[in-house]
C-alpha atoms as a PDB file:
ATOM      1  CA  MET A   1       0.016   0.023  -0.005  1.00  0.00           C
ATOM      2  CA  THR A   2       1.342   3.415  -1.075  1.00  0.00           C
ATOM      3  CA  GLU A   3       1.665   6.037   1.732  1.00  0.00           C
ATOM      4  CA  LEU A   4      -0.416   9.212   1.102  1.00  0.00           C
ATOM      5  CA  SER A   5       1.414  12.453   0.644  1.00  0.00           C
ATOM      6  CA  LEU A   6       1.254  14.786   3.646  1.00  0.00           C
ATOM      7  CA  GLN A   7      -0.802  17.217   1.568  1.00  0.00           C
ATOM      8  CA  LYS A   8      -3.346  14.492   0.774  1.00  0.00           C
ATOM      9  CA  VAL A   9      -3.590  13.423   4.444  1.00  0.00           C
ATOM     10  CA  LEU A  10      -4.234  17.077   5.402  1.00  0.00           C
ATOM     11  CA  SER A  11      -6.779  17.584   2.740  1.00  0.00           C
ATOM     12  CA  ILE A  12      -8.944  14.680   4.008  1.00  0.00           C
ATOM     13  CA  TYR A  13     -10.373  17.032   6.704  1.00  0.00           C
ATOM     14  CA  ASP A  14     -12.528  20.093   5.750  1.00  0.00           C
ATOM     15  CA  ASP A  15     -11.986  22.655   8.449  1.00  0.00           C
ATOM     16  CA  ASN A  16     -14.470  24.932   6.685  1.00  0.00           C
ATOM     17  CA  ALA A  17     -17.362  22.531   6.799  1.00  0.00           C
ATOM     18  CA  PRO A  18     -20.572  23.957   8.167  1.00  0.00           C
ATOM     19  CA  LEU A  19     -21.324  22.818  11.635  1.00  0.00           C
ATOM     20  CA  ALA A  20     -24.092  20.566  10.478  1.00  0.00           C
ATOM     21  CA  GLU A  21     -21.508  18.677   8.329  1.00  0.00           C
ATOM     22  CA  ALA A  22     -18.542  18.953  10.607  1.00  0.00           C
ATOM     23  CA  SER A  23     -16.749  15.881  11.924  1.00  0.00           C
ATOM     24  CA  THR A  24     -13.767  14.877  13.992  1.00  0.00           C
ATOM     25  CA  ILE A  25     -10.351  14.803  12.443  1.00  0.00           C
ATOM     26  CA  PRO A  26      -9.653  11.770  10.230  1.00  0.00           C
ATOM     27  CA  ALA A  27      -8.175   8.557  11.641  1.00  0.00           C
ATOM     28  CA  PRO A  28      -4.773   8.986   9.831  1.00  0.00           C
ATOM     29  CA  TRP A  29      -4.202  12.136  11.829  1.00  0.00           C
ATOM     30  CA  TYR A  30      -3.926  10.239  15.017  1.00  0.00           C
ATOM     31  CA  VAL A  31      -1.165   7.913  13.872  1.00  0.00           C
ATOM     32  CA  ASP A  32       0.793   9.774  11.083  1.00  0.00           C
ATOM     33  CA  THR A  33       4.107  10.879  12.519  1.00  0.00           C
ATOM     34  CA  ARG A  34       4.220  13.749   9.960  1.00  0.00           C
ATOM     35  CA  ILE A  35       1.027  15.141  11.565  1.00  0.00           C
ATOM     36  CA  PHE A  36       2.648  14.875  15.068  1.00  0.00           C
ATOM     37  CA  GLU A  37       5.661  16.859  13.771  1.00  0.00           C
ATOM     38  CA  LEU A  38       3.371  19.501  12.399  1.00  0.00           C
ATOM     39  CA  GLU A  39       1.464  19.641  15.708  1.00  0.00           C
ATOM     40  CA  LYS A  40       4.703  20.072  17.619  1.00  0.00           C
ATOM     41  CA  GLN A  41       5.676  23.028  15.439  1.00  0.00           C
ATOM     42  CA  THR A  42       2.276  24.758  15.153  1.00  0.00           C
ATOM     43  CA  VAL A  43       0.270  23.760  18.356  1.00  0.00           C
ATOM     44  CA  PHE A  44       2.565  22.922  21.216  1.00  0.00           C
ATOM     45  CA  SER A  45       5.225  25.535  20.548  1.00  0.00           C
ATOM     46  CA  ARG A  46       2.912  28.470  19.846  1.00  0.00           C
ATOM     47  CA  THR A  47       0.116  28.138  22.423  1.00  0.00           C
ATOM     48  CA  TRP A  48      -0.548  27.954  26.156  1.00  0.00           C
ATOM     49  CA  GLN A  49      -0.294  24.374  27.504  1.00  0.00           C
ATOM     50  CA  MET A  50      -1.375  23.095  30.877  1.00  0.00           C
ATOM     51  CA  MET A  51       1.782  22.367  32.871  1.00  0.00           C
ATOM     52  CA  GLY A  52       0.318  21.457  36.270  1.00  0.00           C
ATOM     53  CA  ARG A  53      -2.029  22.264  39.011  1.00  0.00           C
ATOM     54  CA  VAL A  54      -1.876  25.409  41.136  1.00  0.00           C
ATOM     55  CA  ASP A  55      -1.403  23.337  44.288  1.00  0.00           C
ATOM     56  CA  GLN A  56       1.959  22.061  42.863  1.00  0.00           C
ATOM     57  CA  VAL A  57       3.393  25.590  43.072  1.00  0.00           C
ATOM     58  CA  GLY A  58       2.009  27.065  46.295  1.00  0.00           C
ATOM     59  CA  LYS A  59       4.663  29.722  46.755  1.00  0.00           C
ATOM     60  CA  LEU A  60       6.009  32.393  44.474  1.00  0.00           C
ATOM     61  CA  GLY A  61       9.130  31.247  42.739  1.00  0.00           C
ATOM     62  CA  GLN A  62       8.270  27.491  42.835  1.00  0.00           C
ATOM     63  CA  PHE A  63       8.190  25.889  39.455  1.00  0.00           C
ATOM     64  CA  VAL A  64       7.165  22.778  37.482  1.00  0.00           C
ATOM     65  CA  THR A  65       8.572  21.298  34.347  1.00  0.00           C
ATOM     66  CA  ALA A  66       7.124  18.647  32.044  1.00  0.00           C
ATOM     67  CA  ASN A  67       7.739  16.850  28.860  1.00  0.00           C
ATOM     68  CA  VAL A  68       5.136  17.697  26.174  1.00  0.00           C
ATOM     69  CA  ALA A  69       5.222  16.121  22.720  1.00  0.00           C
ATOM     70  CA  GLY A  70       8.485  14.483  23.651  1.00  0.00           C
ATOM     71  CA  GLU A  71      10.256  17.687  24.438  1.00  0.00           C
ATOM     72  CA  PRO A  72      11.304  19.161  27.798  1.00  0.00           C
ATOM     73  CA  SER A  73       9.580  22.373  28.786  1.00  0.00           C
ATOM     74  CA  SER A  74      11.037  25.531  30.059  1.00  0.00           C
ATOM     75  CA  PRO A  75      10.379  25.881  33.802  1.00  0.00           C
ATOM     76  CA  CYS A  76       6.960  27.206  34.485  1.00  0.00           C
ATOM     77  CA  VAL A  77       7.354  29.554  37.502  1.00  0.00           C
ATOM     78  CA  ALA A  78       4.643  30.346  39.942  1.00  0.00           C
ATOM     79  CA  THR A  79       3.251  33.840  39.502  1.00  0.00           C
ATOM     80  CA  MET A  80      -0.121  35.497  40.359  1.00  0.00           C
ATOM     81  CA  ALA A  81      -1.384  34.706  36.840  1.00  0.00           C
ATOM     82  CA  TYR A  82      -3.240  31.405  37.356  1.00  0.00           C
ATOM     83  CA  TYR A  83      -6.120  30.349  35.183  1.00  0.00           C
ATOM     84  CA  GLY A  84      -8.676  28.666  37.413  1.00  0.00           C
ATOM     85  CA  ARG A  85      -6.871  25.743  39.082  1.00  0.00           C
ATOM     86  CA  SER A  86      -4.394  25.157  36.233  1.00  0.00           C
ATOM     87  CA  LEU A  87      -0.931  26.578  35.754  1.00  0.00           C
ATOM     88  CA  MET A  88      -0.460  27.541  32.096  1.00  0.00           C
ATOM     89  CA  CYS A  89       2.818  28.240  30.346  1.00  0.00           C
ATOM     90  CA  ALA A  90       3.533  29.423  26.827  1.00  0.00           C
ATOM     91  CA  GLY A  91       6.304  28.459  24.490  1.00  0.00           C
ATOM     92  CA  ILE A  92       6.993  25.158  26.202  1.00  0.00           C
ATOM     93  CA  MET A  93       8.817  23.547  23.301  1.00  0.00           C
ATOM     94  CA  ARG A  94      11.972  25.584  23.869  1.00  0.00           C
ATOM     95  CA  ARG A  95      14.743  23.247  24.802  1.00  0.00           C
ATOM     96  CA  LEU A  96      16.346  23.697  28.196  1.00  0.00           C
END
């Protein structure tokens, strides 16, 4: 069986479909390593990601780290900017 080109795999999903015709992402997106590489570049490295819970950093200056998408995060330092009960950090795909 011939592997589909990345462009073909991406074109399987219509992100402009009306809500009544919308669907979840296609099955190949869950297992294609090329999609994972795109997600690491376009999702995980450019958006806020949950790093932990507020109770893990109870004092100013405490921090948490994590591996997301196979990459170590930059330390997420406790500040006063919590979002609900989650600690959010941006740009986590920067290597330490």
